[in-house]
């Protein structure tokens, strides 16, 4: 079995690095996402059989959404800023990313994967908090709430393997699908 997900990779923009650096200055216990692991999840698959990986990688080649851009703008927390567990950077898009996610969801459903119950909420996770009431996080998030972090060009999606370790996840590419030019 392989723990897998489908994602759009996000570059390591300096503004994201600054945001994470400022969050790390707080007394809160946190785990920052490593720059090479920055991504927006389109579909989390969980543990899947190795033979299903080849079938899925092949099916993803049928994606029709063309290449597009979206902006990384704003910052916030899940479930909310009063009780943050995850700190994120927001996505401002024209609907292309959501359309791509719906297409990925349909392809996965056609192969027997369970449909996502929650509505797609595109975001870039940058920090996971270990404290219940972390000190010093709120002012940092508020300071970055109107920041433009960068513009992402989406030319491909990746089927990724995830190995969980005590130091954090290790991701590797299983397959890459290039989106067609608009």
Protein backbone atom coordinates (compact mmCIF):
# COMPACT_ATOMS: atom_id res chain seq x y z
CA UNK A 1 0.00 0.00 0.00
CA UNK A 2 1.11 3.53 -0.79
CA UNK A 3 -0.10 6.64 1.07
CA UNK A 4 -0.84 9.10 -1.73
CA UNK A 5 -2.38 12.40 -2.72
CA UNK A 6 -2.77 14.60 -5.81
CA UNK A 7 -1.44 18.15 -5.61
CA UNK A 8 -0.25 21.34 -7.22
CA UNK A 9 3.25 22.20 -6.05
CA UNK A 10 3.91 25.75 -4.85
CA UNK A 11 7.28 27.53 -5.15
CA UNK A 12 9.16 28.70 -2.07
CA UNK A 13 8.34 32.42 -2.33
CA UNK A 14 10.37 34.78 -0.09
CA UNK A 15 7.16 36.22 1.46
CA UNK A 16 6.11 32.72 2.56
CA UNK A 17 9.54 32.15 4.07
CA UNK A 18 9.26 35.51 5.91
CA UNK A 19 5.79 34.59 7.22
CA UNK A 20 6.97 31.21 8.51
CA UNK A 21 10.06 32.86 10.03
CA UNK A 22 7.89 35.38 11.90
CA UNK A 23 5.60 32.59 13.14
CA UNK A 24 8.66 30.68 14.41
CA UNK A 25 9.65 33.74 16.51
CA UNK A 26 6.52 33.29 18.63
CA UNK A 27 6.73 31.15 21.79
CA UNK A 28 4.22 28.68 20.28
CA UNK A 29 5.30 25.12 19.58
CA UNK A 30 4.84 24.56 15.86
CA UNK A 31 5.93 22.51 12.87
CA UNK A 32 6.55 24.46 9.68
CA UNK A 33 6.05 22.86 6.28
CA UNK A 34 9.43 22.45 4.58
CA UNK A 35 9.87 24.60 1.44
CA UNK A 36 10.16 21.53 -0.79
CA UNK A 37 6.82 20.21 0.57
CA UNK A 38 4.69 23.29 -0.17
CA UNK A 39 1.61 22.22 -2.12
CA UNK A 40 -2.12 22.59 -2.48
CA UNK A 41 -3.89 19.26 -2.10
CA UNK A 42 -6.43 18.54 -4.81
CA UNK A 43 -7.30 15.06 -3.51
CA UNK A 44 -6.05 13.07 -0.54
CA UNK A 45 -6.21 9.38 -1.42
CA UNK A 46 -4.90 7.72 1.74
CA UNK A 47 -3.43 4.23 1.46
CA UNK A 48 -3.93 2.77 -2.01
CA UNK A 49 -2.86 -0.49 -3.61
CA UNK A 50 0.20 -0.26 -5.85
CA UNK A 51 -1.71 -1.62 -8.86
CA UNK A 52 -4.24 1.23 -8.46
CA UNK A 53 -1.41 3.78 -8.73
CA UNK A 54 -0.69 2.92 -12.37
CA UNK A 55 -4.39 3.02 -13.25
CA UNK A 56 -4.81 6.40 -11.52
CA UNK A 57 -1.69 7.91 -13.09
CA UNK A 58 -2.96 6.87 -16.50
CA UNK A 59 -6.49 8.20 -15.86
CA UNK A 60 -5.15 11.60 -14.75
CA UNK A 61 -3.71 12.09 -18.25
CA UNK A 62 -7.28 12.76 -19.43
CA UNK A 63 -7.49 16.06 -17.52
CA UNK A 64 -8.76 18.81 -19.80
CA UNK A 65 -8.24 21.87 -17.59
CA UNK A 66 -5.64 24.06 -19.32
CA UNK A 67 -2.62 25.61 -17.58
CA UNK A 68 -3.50 28.66 -15.47
CA UNK A 69 -2.34 31.05 -12.74
CA UNK A 70 -3.56 31.81 -9.23
CA UNK A 71 -2.42 34.17 -6.50
CA UNK A 72 -1.34 33.40 -2.96
CA UNK A 73 -2.87 36.20 -0.94
CA UNK A 74 -3.84 36.64 2.73
CA UNK A 75 -3.29 34.45 5.78
CA UNK A 76 -5.53 32.73 8.27
CA UNK A 77 -6.04 29.75 10.54
CA UNK A 78 -8.13 26.59 10.78
CA UNK A 79 -10.46 26.15 12.50
CA UNK A 80 -10.18 29.87 13.36
CA UNK A 81 -7.68 32.44 14.65
CA UNK A 82 -8.91 32.10 18.28
CA UNK A 83 -8.10 28.36 18.32
CA UNK A 84 -5.60 27.80 15.51
CA UNK A 85 -4.36 24.33 14.65
CA UNK A 86 -3.18 25.11 11.11
CA UNK A 87 -1.87 28.39 9.69
CA UNK A 88 -2.47 28.88 5.98
CA UNK A 89 -1.89 31.22 3.07
CA UNK A 90 -5.02 31.89 1.04
CA UNK A 91 -5.66 31.33 -2.65
CA UNK A 92 -7.25 33.93 -4.92
CA UNK A 93 -8.27 32.31 -8.18
CA UNK A 94 -10.58 32.73 -11.15
CA UNK A 95 -12.18 29.30 -10.73
CA UNK A 96 -9.54 27.35 -12.66
CA UNK A 97 -8.08 25.69 -9.55
CA UNK A 98 -11.54 24.70 -8.32
CA UNK A 99 -12.37 23.38 -11.78
CA UNK A 100 -9.17 21.31 -11.80
CA UNK A 101 -10.00 19.93 -8.36
CA UNK A 102 -13.51 18.92 -9.50
CA UNK A 103 -12.04 17.19 -12.55
CA UNK A 104 -9.54 15.30 -10.36
CA UNK A 105 -12.39 14.36 -8.00
CA UNK A 106 -14.46 12.97 -10.91
CA UNK A 107 -11.56 10.92 -12.26
CA UNK A 108 -10.85 9.48 -8.82
CA UNK A 109 -14.55 8.69 -8.22
CA UNK A 110 -14.69 6.86 -11.57
CA UNK A 111 -11.92 4.59 -10.27
CA UNK A 112 -13.76 3.84 -7.04
CA UNK A 113 -12.18 6.37 -4.69
CA UNK A 114 -14.54 7.90 -2.15
CA UNK A 115 -15.77 11.41 -2.95
CA UNK A 116 -14.66 14.24 -0.70
CA UNK A 117 -17.43 15.17 1.74
CA UNK A 118 -16.20 18.71 2.38
CA UNK A 119 -16.29 21.48 -0.16
CA UNK A 120 -12.88 22.29 -1.68
CA UNK A 121 -11.28 25.17 0.19
CA UNK A 122 -8.01 25.95 -1.60
CA UNK A 123 -5.24 26.98 0.79
CA UNK A 124 -1.55 26.47 1.37
CA UNK A 125 -0.77 24.99 4.79
CA UNK A 126 2.45 26.58 6.11
CA UNK A 127 2.44 25.68 9.83
CA UNK A 128 0.81 23.11 12.12
CA UNK A 129 0.53 24.12 15.77
CA UNK A 130 1.24 21.77 18.66
CA UNK A 131 -0.12 24.05 21.42
CA UNK A 132 -3.80 24.30 22.32
CA UNK A 133 -3.68 28.07 22.91
CA UNK A 134 -0.54 29.22 21.13
CA UNK A 135 0.87 32.57 22.23
CA UNK A 136 1.98 35.19 19.75
CA UNK A 137 0.46 33.62 16.64
CA UNK A 138 -2.58 35.86 16.16
CA UNK A 139 -0.70 39.17 15.68
CA UNK A 140 1.60 37.57 13.09
CA UNK A 141 -1.30 36.11 11.11
CA UNK A 142 -3.14 39.45 11.26
CA UNK A 143 -0.02 41.28 10.03
CA UNK A 144 0.09 38.99 6.97
CA UNK A 145 -3.67 38.98 6.36
CA UNK A 146 -3.43 41.33 3.34
CA UNK A 147 -0.06 40.25 1.93
CA UNK A 148 0.41 39.10 -1.67
CA UNK A 149 2.77 36.14 -1.35
CA UNK A 150 3.21 35.36 -5.05
CA UNK A 151 1.61 34.18 -8.27
CA UNK A 152 1.70 30.47 -9.06
CA UNK A 153 1.69 29.13 -12.61
CA UNK A 154 0.01 25.73 -12.71
CA UNK A 155 1.43 23.74 -15.63
CA UNK A 156 1.22 20.30 -14.06
CA UNK A 157 -0.23 18.29 -11.22
CA UNK A 158 1.52 15.56 -9.29
CA UNK A 159 0.47 12.23 -7.89
CA UNK A 160 2.60 12.12 -4.74
CA UNK A 161 3.67 9.43 -2.29
CA UNK A 162 3.80 10.37 1.40
CA UNK A 163 5.88 8.56 3.99
CA UNK A 164 5.19 9.71 7.55
CA UNK A 165 8.23 9.97 9.84
CA UNK A 166 8.72 11.42 13.34
CA UNK A 167 10.58 14.35 11.71
CA UNK A 168 7.69 15.03 9.32
CA UNK A 169 6.39 13.67 6.03
CA UNK A 170 8.65 12.78 3.12
CA UNK A 171 7.01 13.34 -0.26
CA UNK A 172 8.10 11.94 -3.60
CA UNK A 173 6.58 12.09 -7.07
CA UNK A 174 4.84 9.00 -8.39
CA UNK A 175 3.56 10.62 -11.58
CA UNK A 176 3.34 14.04 -13.16
CA UNK A 177 0.62 15.22 -15.55
CA UNK A 178 1.29 18.23 -17.74
CA UNK A 179 -1.72 20.46 -18.33
CA UNK A 180 -2.41 21.53 -21.89
CA UNK A 181 -1.58 25.08 -23.00
CA UNK A 182 -4.61 27.39 -23.14
